[in-house]
Amino acid sequence: MAFVTERKPPGVSFESWIDKQIRLAQERGDFDDLPGAGKPIPAGDVDDELWWVKNYLRRENLPSDSLLPTPLQLRKEIERLPDTIRGLPSERAVRDVVAQLNLQIVAWLRVPSGPRIPVSPVDADEVVATWRQQNQPTRKPPVAAPADPESDPRRAGRRWWRRKR
């Protein structure tokens, strides 16, 4: 619940005016039933300076890769590309994923930010070839030749040729 307070009156110090606003909010019950009320603020790992960042990532269910600079994020996406395309149903879907990634790479190349790490667009044909190799249907073993030589048409021709000589 957000309350808009009035402006600080002239001649009143900020400290006393803020204290008054807090006291009025307490009297109204604005601070009652807040999550974590009566519990200590979690301090995290005392030795880890970034404990609050880790807690934030865990609480918001964000991957730690989101903290990386853009070129490193793009390179990680390129590395994960074979896993990303593995379950795609068609070549068109694979090309769409590669095109989307290449758009992000080109956008970064136009206005690079962060460290100067070389990143270049991905060749869609190479990715499609990788996808085809991953999604080849398993080949069935060849059917064994019939045991009866009379039923094999190739052998019948050979027999005829031998008789003729």
C-alpha atoms as a PDB file:
ATOM      1  CA  MET A   1       0.000   0.000   0.000  1.00  0.00           C
ATOM      2  CA  ALA A   2       1.662   3.245  -1.089  1.00  0.00           C
ATOM      3  CA  PHE A   3       0.842   6.549   0.491  1.00  0.00           C
ATOM      4  CA  VAL A   4       1.817   9.835  -1.027  1.00  0.00           C
ATOM      5  CA  THR A   5       3.032  12.235   1.583  1.00  0.00           C
ATOM      6  CA  GLU A   6       2.783  15.942   1.431  1.00  0.00           C
ATOM      7  CA  ARG A   7       5.775  18.095   0.712  1.00  0.00           C
ATOM      8  CA  LYS A   8       8.182  18.984   3.455  1.00  0.00           C
ATOM      9  CA  PRO A   9       7.101  22.308   4.935  1.00  0.00           C
ATOM     10  CA  PRO A  10       9.663  25.078   4.706  1.00  0.00           C
ATOM     11  CA  GLY A  11      11.680  25.683   7.841  1.00  0.00           C
ATOM     12  CA  VAL A  12      11.412  22.078   9.097  1.00  0.00           C
ATOM     13  CA  SER A  13      14.552  19.945   8.983  1.00  0.00           C
ATOM     14  CA  PHE A  14      14.464  16.831   6.848  1.00  0.00           C
ATOM     15  CA  GLU A  15      15.306  14.610   9.787  1.00  0.00           C
ATOM     16  CA  SER A  16      12.405  15.737  11.962  1.00  0.00           C
ATOM     17  CA  TRP A  17      10.005  15.702   9.001  1.00  0.00           C
ATOM     18  CA  ILE A  18      11.018  12.129   8.040  1.00  0.00           C
ATOM     19  CA  ASP A  19      10.772  10.979  11.654  1.00  0.00           C
ATOM     20  CA  LYS A  20       7.244  12.404  11.762  1.00  0.00           C
ATOM     21  CA  GLN A  21       6.273  10.554   8.553  1.00  0.00           C
ATOM     22  CA  ILE A  22       7.599   7.269   9.971  1.00  0.00           C
ATOM     23  CA  ARG A  23       5.787   7.785  13.284  1.00  0.00           C
ATOM     24  CA  LEU A  24       2.487   8.519  11.477  1.00  0.00           C
ATOM     25  CA  ALA A  25       2.900   5.406   9.291  1.00  0.00           C
ATOM     26  CA  GLN A  26       3.534   3.287  12.403  1.00  0.00           C
ATOM     27  CA  GLU A  27       0.424   4.697  14.048  1.00  0.00           C
ATOM     28  CA  ARG A  28      -1.629   3.849  10.932  1.00  0.00           C
ATOM     29  CA  GLY A  29      -0.232   0.289  10.999  1.00  0.00           C
ATOM     30  CA  ASP A  30       1.512   0.506   7.621  1.00  0.00           C
ATOM     31  CA  PHE A  31       4.440  -1.543   8.945  1.00  0.00           C
ATOM     32  CA  ASP A  32       2.356  -4.303  10.547  1.00  0.00           C
ATOM     33  CA  ASP A  33       2.394  -7.803   9.026  1.00  0.00           C
ATOM     34  CA  LEU A  34       5.336  -7.161   6.697  1.00  0.00           C
ATOM     35  CA  PRO A  35       7.150 -10.279   5.481  1.00  0.00           C
ATOM     36  CA  GLY A  36      10.087 -11.078   7.743  1.00  0.00           C
ATOM     37  CA  ALA A  37       8.730  -8.979  10.639  1.00  0.00           C
ATOM     38  CA  GLY A  38      10.466  -9.838  13.887  1.00  0.00           C
ATOM     39  CA  LYS A  39      13.182 -11.844  12.157  1.00  0.00           C
ATOM     40  CA  PRO A  40      16.807 -10.782  11.823  1.00  0.00           C
ATOM     41  CA  ILE A  41      17.962  -9.550   8.431  1.00  0.00           C
ATOM     42  CA  PRO A  42      19.900 -12.397   6.822  1.00  0.00           C
ATOM     43  CA  ALA A  43      23.560 -11.429   6.766  1.00  0.00           C
ATOM     44  CA  GLY A  44      24.656 -14.132   4.362  1.00  0.00           C
ATOM     45  CA  ASP A  45      28.200 -15.391   4.232  1.00  0.00           C
ATOM     46  CA  VAL A  46      30.348 -12.908   6.134  1.00  0.00           C
ATOM     47  CA  ASP A  47      33.415 -13.723   4.026  1.00  0.00           C
ATOM     48  CA  ASP A  48      31.581 -13.323   0.724  1.00  0.00           C
ATOM     49  CA  GLU A  49      31.174  -9.716  -0.384  1.00  0.00           C
ATOM     50  CA  LEU A  50      28.573 -10.607  -2.991  1.00  0.00           C
ATOM     51  CA  TRP A  51      26.266 -12.657  -0.754  1.00  0.00           C
ATOM     52  CA  TRP A  52      23.392 -10.294  -1.474  1.00  0.00           C
ATOM     53  CA  VAL A  53      23.827 -10.738  -5.254  1.00  0.00           C
ATOM     54  CA  LYS A  54      23.729 -14.519  -4.881  1.00  0.00           C
ATOM     55  CA  ASN A  55      20.620 -14.275  -2.717  1.00  0.00           C
ATOM     56  CA  TYR A  56      18.993 -11.998  -5.285  1.00  0.00           C
ATOM     57  CA  LEU A  57      19.757 -14.423  -8.146  1.00  0.00           C
ATOM     58  CA  ARG A  58      18.404 -17.345  -6.137  1.00  0.00           C
ATOM     59  CA  ARG A  59      15.279 -15.456  -5.038  1.00  0.00           C
ATOM     60  CA  GLU A  60      14.494 -14.187  -8.557  1.00  0.00           C
ATOM     61  CA  ASN A  61      15.417 -17.549 -10.134  1.00  0.00           C
ATOM     62  CA  LEU A  62      17.932 -15.932 -12.496  1.00  0.00           C
ATOM     63  CA  PRO A  63      20.910 -17.729 -14.035  1.00  0.00           C
ATOM     64  CA  SER A  64      24.317 -16.496 -12.938  1.00  0.00           C
ATOM     65  CA  ASP A  65      25.168 -15.959 -16.619  1.00  0.00           C
ATOM     66  CA  SER A  66      22.958 -12.873 -16.569  1.00  0.00           C
ATOM     67  CA  LEU A  67      25.714 -11.067 -14.637  1.00  0.00           C
ATOM     68  CA  LEU A  68      28.276 -11.636 -17.368  1.00  0.00           C
ATOM     69  CA  PRO A  69      29.172  -8.907 -19.881  1.00  0.00           C
ATOM     70  CA  THR A  70      27.299  -9.128 -23.181  1.00  0.00           C
ATOM     71  CA  PRO A  71      30.119 -10.625 -25.280  1.00  0.00           C
ATOM     72  CA  LEU A  72      30.623 -13.426 -22.765  1.00  0.00           C
ATOM     73  CA  GLN A  73      26.876 -14.099 -22.679  1.00  0.00           C
ATOM     74  CA  LEU A  74      26.886 -14.342 -26.470  1.00  0.00           C
ATOM     75  CA  ARG A  75      29.860 -16.708 -26.485  1.00  0.00           C
ATOM     76  CA  LYS A  76      28.115 -18.936 -23.929  1.00  0.00           C
ATOM     77  CA  GLU A  77      25.019 -18.977 -26.159  1.00  0.00           C
ATOM     78  CA  ILE A  78      27.196 -20.052 -29.091  1.00  0.00           C
ATOM     79  CA  GLU A  79      28.717 -22.841 -26.970  1.00  0.00           C
ATOM     80  CA  ARG A  80      25.255 -24.046 -25.917  1.00  0.00           C
ATOM     81  CA  LEU A  81      23.901 -23.945 -29.474  1.00  0.00           C
ATOM     82  CA  PRO A  82      24.281 -27.709 -30.181  1.00  0.00           C
ATOM     83  CA  ASP A  83      22.235 -28.490 -27.055  1.00  0.00           C
ATOM     84  CA  THR A  84      19.687 -25.802 -27.940  1.00  0.00           C
ATOM     85  CA  ILE A  85      19.024 -27.164 -31.424  1.00  0.00           C
ATOM     86  CA  ARG A  86      19.021 -30.835 -30.430  1.00  0.00           C
ATOM     87  CA  GLY A  87      15.279 -31.081 -29.825  1.00  0.00           C
ATOM     88  CA  LEU A  88      14.096 -28.798 -32.617  1.00  0.00           C
ATOM     89  CA  PRO A  89      11.656 -30.382 -35.076  1.00  0.00           C
ATOM     90  CA  SER A  90      12.760 -28.835 -38.382  1.00  0.00           C
ATOM     91  CA  GLU A  91      15.561 -27.154 -40.262  1.00  0.00           C
ATOM     92  CA  ARG A  92      13.495 -23.951 -40.364  1.00  0.00           C
ATOM     93  CA  ALA A  93      13.344 -23.885 -36.553  1.00  0.00           C
ATOM     94  CA  VAL A  94      17.129 -24.363 -36.368  1.00  0.00           C
ATOM     95  CA  ARG A  95      17.695 -21.515 -38.819  1.00  0.00           C
ATOM     96  CA  ASP A  96      15.333 -19.296 -36.814  1.00  0.00           C
ATOM     97  CA  VAL A  97      17.301 -19.921 -33.599  1.00  0.00           C
ATOM     98  CA  VAL A  98      20.580 -19.145 -35.389  1.00  0.00           C
ATOM     99  CA  ALA A  99      19.092 -16.016 -36.978  1.00  0.00           C
ATOM    100  CA  GLN A 100      17.910 -14.749 -33.577  1.00  0.00           C
ATOM    101  CA  LEU A 101      21.356 -15.345 -32.071  1.00  0.00           C
ATOM    102  CA  ASN A 102      23.038 -13.641 -35.023  1.00  0.00           C
ATOM    103  CA  LEU A 103      20.753 -10.617 -34.568  1.00  0.00           C
ATOM    104  CA  GLN A 104      21.936 -10.307 -30.973  1.00  0.00           C
ATOM    105  CA  ILE A 105      25.567 -10.646 -32.053  1.00  0.00           C
ATOM    106  CA  VAL A 106      25.227  -8.018 -34.791  1.00  0.00           C
ATOM    107  CA  ALA A 107      23.476  -5.639 -32.367  1.00  0.00           C
ATOM    108  CA  TRP A 108      26.404  -5.981 -29.970  1.00  0.00           C
ATOM    109  CA  LEU A 109      28.939  -5.548 -32.786  1.00  0.00           C
ATOM    110  CA  ARG A 110      27.282  -2.283 -33.826  1.00  0.00           C
ATOM    111  CA  VAL A 111      27.497  -0.793 -30.339  1.00  0.00           C
ATOM    112  CA  PRO A 112      29.960  -2.869 -28.335  1.00  0.00           C
ATOM    113  CA  SER A 113      29.893  -2.543 -24.582  1.00  0.00           C
ATOM    114  CA  GLY A 114      31.968  -4.275 -21.984  1.00  0.00           C
ATOM    115  CA  PRO A 115      35.271  -5.982 -22.644  1.00  0.00           C
ATOM    116  CA  ARG A 116      36.523  -6.314 -26.205  1.00  0.00           C
ATOM    117  CA  ILE A 117      36.060 -10.039 -26.708  1.00  0.00           C
ATOM    118  CA  PRO A 118      35.864 -11.280 -30.291  1.00  0.00           C
ATOM    119  CA  VAL A 119      32.419 -12.615 -31.170  1.00  0.00           C
ATOM    120  CA  SER A 120      31.319 -13.280 -34.727  1.00  0.00           C
ATOM    121  CA  PRO A 121      28.007 -14.404 -36.215  1.00  0.00           C
ATOM    122  CA  VAL A 122      27.311 -18.116 -36.466  1.00  0.00           C
ATOM    123  CA  ASP A 123      27.191 -19.919 -39.819  1.00  0.00           C
ATOM    124  CA  ALA A 124      23.653 -21.259 -40.140  1.00  0.00           C
ATOM    125  CA  ASP A 125      24.658 -23.965 -42.646  1.00  0.00           C
ATOM    126  CA  GLU A 126      27.193 -25.457 -40.207  1.00  0.00           C
ATOM    127  CA  VAL A 127      24.612 -25.498 -37.429  1.00  0.00           C
ATOM    128  CA  VAL A 128      22.051 -27.143 -39.709  1.00  0.00           C
ATOM    129  CA  ALA A 129      24.637 -29.790 -40.666  1.00  0.00           C
ATOM    130  CA  THR A 130      25.262 -30.450 -36.965  1.00  0.00           C
ATOM    131  CA  TRP A 131      21.506 -30.686 -36.383  1.00  0.00           C
ATOM    132  CA  ARG A 132      21.162 -33.187 -39.250  1.00  0.00           C
ATOM    133  CA  GLN A 133      23.916 -35.365 -37.779  1.00  0.00           C
ATOM    134  CA  GLN A 134      22.240 -35.283 -34.366  1.00  0.00           C
ATOM    135  CA  ASN A 135      18.805 -36.098 -35.760  1.00  0.00           C
ATOM    136  CA  GLN A 136      19.683 -38.823 -38.249  1.00  0.00           C
ATOM    137  CA  PRO A 137      17.303 -41.735 -37.826  1.00  0.00           C
ATOM    138  CA  THR A 138      19.015 -44.834 -36.592  1.00  0.00           C
ATOM    139  CA  ARG A 139      19.664 -47.095 -39.542  1.00  0.00           C
ATOM    140  CA  LYS A 140      18.384 -50.619 -39.420  1.00  0.00           C
ATOM    141  CA  PRO A 141      20.872 -53.383 -40.150  1.00  0.00           C
ATOM    142  CA  PRO A 142      20.768 -54.595 -43.740  1.00  0.00           C
ATOM    143  CA  VAL A 143      18.512 -57.514 -44.425  1.00  0.00           C
ATOM    144  CA  ALA A 144      20.474 -60.751 -44.734  1.00  0.00           C
ATOM    145  CA  ALA A 145      20.533 -62.438 -48.139  1.00  0.00           C
ATOM    146  CA  PRO A 146      18.141 -65.331 -48.499  1.00  0.00           C
ATOM    147  CA  ALA A 147      19.632 -68.691 -47.601  1.00  0.00           C
ATOM    148  CA  ASP A 148      18.163 -70.341 -50.690  1.00  0.00           C
ATOM    149  CA  PRO A 149      20.406 -69.567 -53.708  1.00  0.00           C
ATOM    150  CA  GLU A 150      17.555 -70.336 -56.105  1.00  0.00           C
ATOM    151  CA  SER A 151      15.543 -67.384 -54.810  1.00  0.00           C
ATOM    152  CA  ASP A 152      18.387 -64.859 -55.156  1.00  0.00           C
ATOM    153  CA  PRO A 153      18.062 -63.244 -58.623  1.00  0.00           C
ATOM    154  CA  ARG A 154      21.763 -62.254 -58.726  1.00  0.00           C
ATOM    155  CA  ARG A 155      22.901 -65.838 -58.276  1.00  0.00           C
ATOM    156  CA  ALA A 156      20.454 -67.132 -60.850  1.00  0.00           C
ATOM    157  CA  GLY A 157      22.099 -64.938 -63.501  1.00  0.00           C
ATOM    158  CA  ARG A 158      25.523 -66.179 -62.544  1.00  0.00           C
ATOM    159  CA  ARG A 159      24.425 -69.790 -62.838  1.00  0.00           C
ATOM    160  CA  TRP A 160      23.087 -69.125 -66.311  1.00  0.00           C
ATOM    161  CA  TRP A 161      26.378 -67.493 -67.311  1.00  0.00           C
ATOM    162  CA  ARG A 162      28.421 -70.439 -65.992  1.00  0.00           C
ATOM    163  CA  ARG A 163      26.265 -72.953 -67.898  1.00  0.00           C
ATOM    164  CA  LYS A 164      26.658 -71.056 -71.106  1.00  0.00           C
ATOM    165  CA  ARG A 165      30.454 -71.245 -71.094  1.00  0.00           C
END
